[in-house]
Structures are given as structure tokens and as C-alpha cells.
Amino acid sequence: MSDSTSSASPIARPKRSNPPFLSIEMIKEHVTPKMVKDIKFTISGSIVMILILFHYAWIMKRLLINPYLSMSWIIAYFLIFGSNVLFLGYVLLFVLYPIIYKEEVEQEKMDRNKKEE
């Protein structure tokens, strides 16, 4: 019996450095300023929706705690809720939108002025 244990040489593979999953260069390459603005507006819209949902949940909690609440209190709660929704919608669309999309709003105004002339 011959003991022929030939040591097989491992295949020489070139060392590759795997790029990280998220690198700064990749983020700079793929994230545009428009995308950053969209993310900011999405976050602000989500915050507005969460505030509205928490206000609605607070009203429902008040109704569960006291199921015999007078109709005038229920109407007052929902009038305040409606005004809250309108106020937060106004803030989102007429305050935050022009701040976040400042360049686009200015460009749209310039285009509208050129069409009028």
C-alpha cells in the first residue's frame, strides 16, 4: 500500500475587497437633492398624520372612559379635531411645502410669469 497523500494546492484566488453595503460614495451617487426633499416632505407628512391619529385616539379614549358623555362635549371634541386637521393640513401644504421645495416653487413662478408675458 502506498500512502499517496498528495497535498492539492489550493486554487489561487485574487483577493477581492467587497465594497460595503452602504458607502458614502454610493449614497452620494444615488441620492439626488430631489430625493432628499421628497424624504423630508414624507417625514413631515407622516408626523402630521401621526398627530391627527393621536388626537383621534384621544377622543376615542375620552368616549370609552365616559360613554355617557353629553352630545355638546362630543360635538366640541370633533369640532376641535376638525380644526386641528385643517390647521395641520394648512401647515403641511402652505408652510412646509414651500420651505422644502423652495427652488421648485420659484421655478414654477418664473415659468408662470413667462407664460403670462
N, C-alpha and C. Protein backbone atom coordinates (compact mmCIF):
# COMPACT_ATOMS: atom_id res chain seq x y z
N MET A 1 0.82 -1.16 0.00
CA MET A 1 0.00 0.00 0.00
C MET A 1 0.87 1.23 0.00
N SER A 2 0.58 2.01 -0.90
CA SER A 2 1.35 3.24 -0.94
C SER A 2 0.49 4.37 -0.40
N ASP A 3 1.11 5.11 0.42
CA ASP A 3 0.40 6.23 1.01
C ASP A 3 0.64 7.44 0.12
N SER A 4 -0.29 7.62 -0.77
CA SER A 4 -0.12 8.73 -1.70
C SER A 4 -1.06 9.86 -1.30
N THR A 5 -0.63 10.58 -0.37
CA THR A 5 -1.41 11.76 0.03
C THR A 5 -0.77 12.97 -0.62
N SER A 6 -1.30 13.26 -1.71
CA SER A 6 -0.77 14.44 -2.40
C SER A 6 -1.53 15.65 -1.89
N SER A 7 -0.78 16.58 -1.47
CA SER A 7 -1.44 17.79 -0.98
C SER A 7 -1.80 18.65 -2.19
N ALA A 8 -3.08 18.77 -2.38
CA ALA A 8 -3.55 19.57 -3.50
C ALA A 8 -3.35 21.03 -3.18
N SER A 9 -2.76 21.69 -4.10
CA SER A 9 -2.52 23.11 -3.86
C SER A 9 -3.85 23.85 -4.02
N PRO A 10 -4.14 24.72 -3.10
CA PRO A 10 -5.40 25.45 -3.23
C PRO A 10 -5.35 26.38 -4.44
N ILE A 11 -6.50 26.56 -5.01
CA ILE A 11 -6.58 27.44 -6.17
C ILE A 11 -6.33 28.87 -5.70
N ALA A 12 -5.43 29.49 -6.38
CA ALA A 12 -5.08 30.85 -6.01
C ALA A 12 -6.17 31.79 -6.52
N ARG A 13 -6.85 32.39 -5.59
CA ARG A 13 -7.90 33.34 -5.95
C ARG A 13 -7.42 34.74 -5.60
N PRO A 14 -7.67 35.64 -6.48
CA PRO A 14 -7.27 37.01 -6.16
C PRO A 14 -8.12 37.54 -5.01
N LYS A 15 -7.49 38.26 -4.16
CA LYS A 15 -8.21 38.84 -3.03
C LYS A 15 -9.07 39.99 -3.55
N ARG A 16 -10.37 39.86 -3.28
CA ARG A 16 -11.28 40.93 -3.66
C ARG A 16 -11.79 41.59 -2.40
N SER A 17 -11.78 42.85 -2.44
CA SER A 17 -12.36 43.55 -1.29
C SER A 17 -13.80 43.89 -1.65
N ASN A 18 -14.70 43.33 -0.91
CA ASN A 18 -16.11 43.60 -1.15
C ASN A 18 -16.43 45.01 -0.68
N PRO A 19 -17.10 45.77 -1.53
CA PRO A 19 -17.46 47.12 -1.09
C PRO A 19 -18.51 47.02 0.02
N PRO A 20 -18.51 47.98 0.90
CA PRO A 20 -19.51 47.94 1.96
C PRO A 20 -20.91 48.09 1.38
N PHE A 21 -21.89 47.62 2.14
CA PHE A 21 -23.27 47.65 1.66
C PHE A 21 -23.71 49.08 1.36
N LEU A 22 -23.45 49.98 2.25
CA LEU A 22 -23.76 51.39 2.03
C LEU A 22 -22.49 52.19 2.24
N SER A 23 -21.97 52.71 1.18
CA SER A 23 -20.79 53.55 1.32
C SER A 23 -21.18 55.00 1.05
N ILE A 24 -20.37 55.89 1.51
CA ILE A 24 -20.64 57.31 1.33
C ILE A 24 -20.66 57.65 -0.16
N GLU A 25 -19.75 57.06 -0.91
CA GLU A 25 -19.69 57.34 -2.35
C GLU A 25 -20.96 56.86 -3.04
N MET A 26 -21.45 55.68 -2.64
CA MET A 26 -22.65 55.15 -3.25
C MET A 26 -23.86 56.02 -2.91
N ILE A 27 -23.92 56.49 -1.68
CA ILE A 27 -25.02 57.35 -1.28
C ILE A 27 -24.97 58.66 -2.06
N LYS A 28 -23.78 59.24 -2.19
CA LYS A 28 -23.65 60.49 -2.95
C LYS A 28 -24.01 60.29 -4.41
N GLU A 29 -23.74 59.11 -4.94
CA GLU A 29 -24.01 58.84 -6.34
C GLU A 29 -25.49 58.66 -6.62
N HIS A 30 -26.21 58.01 -5.71
CA HIS A 30 -27.59 57.63 -5.99
C HIS A 30 -28.64 58.53 -5.35
N VAL A 31 -28.28 59.29 -4.35
CA VAL A 31 -29.25 60.14 -3.67
C VAL A 31 -29.17 61.53 -4.28
N THR A 32 -30.27 61.94 -4.89
CA THR A 32 -30.33 63.25 -5.52
C THR A 32 -30.92 64.27 -4.55
N PRO A 33 -30.72 65.55 -4.82
CA PRO A 33 -31.34 66.57 -3.96
C PRO A 33 -32.86 66.48 -3.96
N LYS A 34 -33.44 66.10 -5.09
CA LYS A 34 -34.91 65.94 -5.16
C LYS A 34 -35.36 64.82 -4.23
N MET A 35 -34.58 63.75 -4.17
CA MET A 35 -34.93 62.63 -3.29
C MET A 35 -34.86 63.05 -1.83
N VAL A 36 -33.88 63.88 -1.48
CA VAL A 36 -33.77 64.37 -0.11
C VAL A 36 -34.99 65.22 0.24
N LYS A 37 -35.41 66.07 -0.69
CA LYS A 37 -36.60 66.89 -0.46
C LYS A 37 -37.84 66.02 -0.30
N ASP A 38 -37.96 64.99 -1.14
CA ASP A 38 -39.10 64.08 -1.03
C ASP A 38 -39.12 63.36 0.31
N ILE A 39 -37.95 62.96 0.78
CA ILE A 39 -37.87 62.28 2.08
C ILE A 39 -38.26 63.23 3.20
N LYS A 40 -37.81 64.48 3.13
CA LYS A 40 -38.19 65.47 4.15
C LYS A 40 -39.70 65.69 4.16
N PHE A 41 -40.30 65.80 2.98
CA PHE A 41 -41.74 66.03 2.91
C PHE A 41 -42.51 64.80 3.38
N THR A 42 -42.00 63.61 3.08
CA THR A 42 -42.64 62.38 3.55
C THR A 42 -42.60 62.30 5.07
N ILE A 43 -41.47 62.65 5.65
CA ILE A 43 -41.35 62.62 7.11
C ILE A 43 -42.28 63.64 7.75
N SER A 44 -42.32 64.85 7.18
CA SER A 44 -43.21 65.86 7.76
C SER A 44 -44.67 65.48 7.59
N GLY A 45 -45.04 64.89 6.46
CA GLY A 45 -46.40 64.41 6.27
C GLY A 45 -46.75 63.28 7.21
N SER A 46 -45.80 62.41 7.47
CA SER A 46 -46.03 61.31 8.41
C SER A 46 -46.23 61.85 9.83
N ILE A 47 -45.47 62.86 10.19
CA ILE A 47 -45.63 63.46 11.52
C ILE A 47 -47.01 64.09 11.66
N VAL A 48 -47.46 64.77 10.61
CA VAL A 48 -48.80 65.38 10.63
C VAL A 48 -49.86 64.29 10.78
N MET A 49 -49.74 63.20 10.02
CA MET A 49 -50.73 62.12 10.13
C MET A 49 -50.71 61.48 11.51
N ILE A 50 -49.53 61.32 12.10
CA ILE A 50 -49.44 60.74 13.44
C ILE A 50 -50.10 61.66 14.46
N LEU A 51 -49.89 62.96 14.34
CA LEU A 51 -50.55 63.90 15.25
C LEU A 51 -52.07 63.81 15.13
N ILE A 52 -52.57 63.71 13.91
CA ILE A 52 -54.02 63.60 13.70
C ILE A 52 -54.54 62.29 14.29
N LEU A 53 -53.82 61.20 14.07
CA LEU A 53 -54.26 59.91 14.61
C LEU A 53 -54.25 59.91 16.14
N PHE A 54 -53.24 60.51 16.75
CA PHE A 54 -53.21 60.56 18.21
C PHE A 54 -54.34 61.43 18.76
N HIS A 55 -54.68 62.50 18.07
CA HIS A 55 -55.80 63.32 18.51
C HIS A 55 -57.10 62.52 18.42
N TYR A 56 -57.29 61.80 17.33
CA TYR A 56 -58.48 60.96 17.18
C TYR A 56 -58.52 59.88 18.25
N ALA A 57 -57.37 59.26 18.53
CA ALA A 57 -57.31 58.23 19.57
C ALA A 57 -57.63 58.82 20.94
N TRP A 58 -57.20 60.05 21.19
CA TRP A 58 -57.51 60.70 22.46
C TRP A 58 -59.02 60.91 22.59
N ILE A 59 -59.68 61.31 21.50
CA ILE A 59 -61.13 61.48 21.53
C ILE A 59 -61.82 60.15 21.80
N MET A 60 -61.36 59.09 21.14
CA MET A 60 -61.96 57.77 21.36
C MET A 60 -61.74 57.31 22.80
N LYS A 61 -60.60 57.61 23.36
CA LYS A 61 -60.32 57.25 24.76
C LYS A 61 -61.29 57.98 25.68
N ARG A 62 -61.52 59.26 25.42
CA ARG A 62 -62.47 60.03 26.23
C ARG A 62 -63.87 59.43 26.13
N LEU A 63 -64.25 58.96 24.94
CA LEU A 63 -65.57 58.36 24.78
C LEU A 63 -65.66 57.00 25.47
N LEU A 64 -64.56 56.26 25.50
CA LEU A 64 -64.58 54.97 26.19
C LEU A 64 -64.58 55.14 27.71
N ILE A 65 -63.88 56.14 28.19
CA ILE A 65 -63.86 56.39 29.63
C ILE A 65 -65.24 56.82 30.12
N ASN A 66 -65.87 57.68 29.37
CA ASN A 66 -67.19 58.18 29.76
C ASN A 66 -68.16 57.97 28.59
N PRO A 67 -68.82 56.80 28.52
CA PRO A 67 -69.71 56.53 27.39
C PRO A 67 -70.97 57.40 27.42
N TYR A 68 -71.27 58.03 28.55
CA TYR A 68 -72.47 58.86 28.65
C TYR A 68 -72.12 60.33 28.55
N LEU A 69 -71.12 60.62 27.76
CA LEU A 69 -70.68 62.00 27.55
C LEU A 69 -71.78 62.76 26.82
N SER A 70 -72.01 63.98 27.21
CA SER A 70 -73.08 64.75 26.59
C SER A 70 -72.75 65.05 25.13
N MET A 71 -73.81 65.23 24.36
CA MET A 71 -73.64 65.48 22.93
C MET A 71 -72.87 66.77 22.67
N SER A 72 -73.02 67.75 23.54
CA SER A 72 -72.30 69.01 23.33
C SER A 72 -70.79 68.80 23.47
N TRP A 73 -70.35 67.94 24.40
CA TRP A 73 -68.92 67.64 24.53
C TRP A 73 -68.42 66.87 23.31
N ILE A 74 -69.21 65.93 22.83
CA ILE A 74 -68.80 65.16 21.65
C ILE A 74 -68.65 66.08 20.45
N ILE A 75 -69.62 66.98 20.27
CA ILE A 75 -69.55 67.94 19.16
C ILE A 75 -68.33 68.84 19.33
N ALA A 76 -68.07 69.28 20.55
CA ALA A 76 -66.91 70.15 20.79
C ALA A 76 -65.61 69.41 20.47
N TYR A 77 -65.51 68.14 20.90
CA TYR A 77 -64.30 67.36 20.61
C TYR A 77 -64.07 67.24 19.11
N PHE A 78 -65.14 66.94 18.37
CA PHE A 78 -64.95 66.73 16.93
C PHE A 78 -64.79 68.04 16.17
N LEU A 79 -65.33 69.14 16.68
CA LEU A 79 -65.04 70.44 16.06
C LEU A 79 -63.58 70.81 16.25
N ILE A 80 -63.06 70.56 17.44
CA ILE A 80 -61.64 70.82 17.68
C ILE A 80 -60.79 69.90 16.82
N PHE A 81 -61.21 68.64 16.69
CA PHE A 81 -60.49 67.69 15.84
C PHE A 81 -60.49 68.15 14.38
N GLY A 82 -61.63 68.59 13.89
CA GLY A 82 -61.71 69.08 12.51
C GLY A 82 -60.84 70.30 12.29
N SER A 83 -60.86 71.22 13.26
CA SER A 83 -60.00 72.40 13.11
C SER A 83 -58.52 72.01 13.19
N ASN A 84 -58.21 71.00 13.99
CA ASN A 84 -56.83 70.51 14.06
C ASN A 84 -56.40 69.93 12.72
N VAL A 85 -57.27 69.14 12.09
CA VAL A 85 -56.95 68.56 10.78
C VAL A 85 -56.74 69.66 9.75
N LEU A 86 -57.63 70.65 9.74
CA LEU A 86 -57.49 71.74 8.77
C LEU A 86 -56.22 72.55 9.02
N PHE A 87 -55.92 72.82 10.29
CA PHE A 87 -54.72 73.59 10.62
C PHE A 87 -53.45 72.83 10.21
N LEU A 88 -53.38 71.55 10.56
CA LEU A 88 -52.18 70.77 10.22
C LEU A 88 -52.06 70.59 8.70
N GLY A 89 -53.18 70.44 8.01
CA GLY A 89 -53.13 70.36 6.55
C GLY A 89 -52.63 71.66 5.94
N TYR A 90 -53.09 72.79 6.50
CA TYR A 90 -52.62 74.09 6.04
C TYR A 90 -51.11 74.23 6.27
N VAL A 91 -50.66 73.84 7.46
CA VAL A 91 -49.22 73.93 7.76
C VAL A 91 -48.42 73.07 6.80
N LEU A 92 -48.91 71.87 6.53
CA LEU A 92 -48.18 70.96 5.65
C LEU A 92 -48.12 71.50 4.22
N LEU A 93 -49.26 71.94 3.69
CA LEU A 93 -49.31 72.31 2.28
C LEU A 93 -48.86 73.74 1.99
N PHE A 94 -49.13 74.66 2.91
CA PHE A 94 -48.84 76.06 2.61
C PHE A 94 -47.67 76.65 3.39
N VAL A 95 -47.13 75.90 4.34
CA VAL A 95 -45.96 76.38 5.08
C VAL A 95 -44.75 75.48 4.81
N LEU A 96 -44.90 74.19 5.07
CA LEU A 96 -43.75 73.28 4.92
C LEU A 96 -43.42 73.01 3.45
N TYR A 97 -44.44 72.83 2.61
CA TYR A 97 -44.17 72.54 1.19
C TYR A 97 -43.34 73.64 0.53
N PRO A 98 -43.71 74.93 0.67
CA PRO A 98 -42.87 75.97 0.06
C PRO A 98 -41.47 76.05 0.66
N ILE A 99 -41.31 75.68 1.92
CA ILE A 99 -39.98 75.70 2.52
C ILE A 99 -39.12 74.57 1.97
N ILE A 100 -39.70 73.37 1.91
CA ILE A 100 -38.93 72.21 1.46
C ILE A 100 -38.64 72.29 -0.03
N TYR A 101 -39.64 72.64 -0.83
CA TYR A 101 -39.47 72.69 -2.29
C TYR A 101 -39.31 74.13 -2.76
N LYS A 102 -38.45 74.88 -2.12
CA LYS A 102 -38.29 76.31 -2.41
C LYS A 102 -37.88 76.55 -3.87
N GLU A 103 -36.88 75.82 -4.36
CA GLU A 103 -36.40 76.05 -5.73
C GLU A 103 -37.47 75.70 -6.76
N GLU A 104 -38.20 74.61 -6.53
CA GLU A 104 -39.23 74.21 -7.48
C GLU A 104 -40.37 75.22 -7.52
N VAL A 105 -40.74 75.76 -6.36
CA VAL A 105 -41.81 76.76 -6.31
C VAL A 105 -41.38 78.03 -7.04
N GLU A 106 -40.13 78.46 -6.82
CA GLU A 106 -39.63 79.65 -7.51
C GLU A 106 -39.56 79.43 -9.02
N GLN A 107 -39.13 78.25 -9.44
CA GLN A 107 -39.06 77.93 -10.86
C GLN A 107 -40.45 77.93 -11.48
N GLU A 108 -41.42 77.38 -10.77
CA GLU A 108 -42.80 77.36 -11.27
C GLU A 108 -43.36 78.77 -11.40
N LYS A 109 -43.05 79.64 -10.44
CA LYS A 109 -43.50 81.03 -10.52
C LYS A 109 -42.87 81.74 -11.71
N MET A 110 -41.58 81.49 -11.95
CA MET A 110 -40.90 82.10 -13.10
C MET A 110 -41.50 81.62 -14.40
N ASP A 111 -41.79 80.32 -14.50
CA ASP A 111 -42.40 79.78 -15.71
C ASP A 111 -43.79 80.37 -15.93
N ARG A 112 -44.55 80.53 -14.86
CA ARG A 112 -45.89 81.10 -14.97
C ARG A 112 -45.82 82.55 -15.42
N ASN A 113 -44.84 83.31 -14.91
CA ASN A 113 -44.68 84.71 -15.31
C ASN A 113 -44.27 84.82 -16.77
N LYS A 114 -43.43 83.90 -17.26
CA LYS A 114 -43.03 83.92 -18.66
C LYS A 114 -44.22 83.62 -19.57
N LYS A 115 -45.10 82.73 -19.15
CA LYS A 115 -46.27 82.40 -19.97
C LYS A 115 -47.24 83.56 -20.02
N GLU A 116 -47.34 84.33 -18.93
CA GLU A 116 -48.26 85.47 -18.90
C GLU A 116 -47.76 86.60 -19.78
N GLU A 117 -46.47 86.72 -19.96
CA GLU A 117 -45.90 87.82 -20.76
C GLU A 117 -46.01 87.56 -22.20
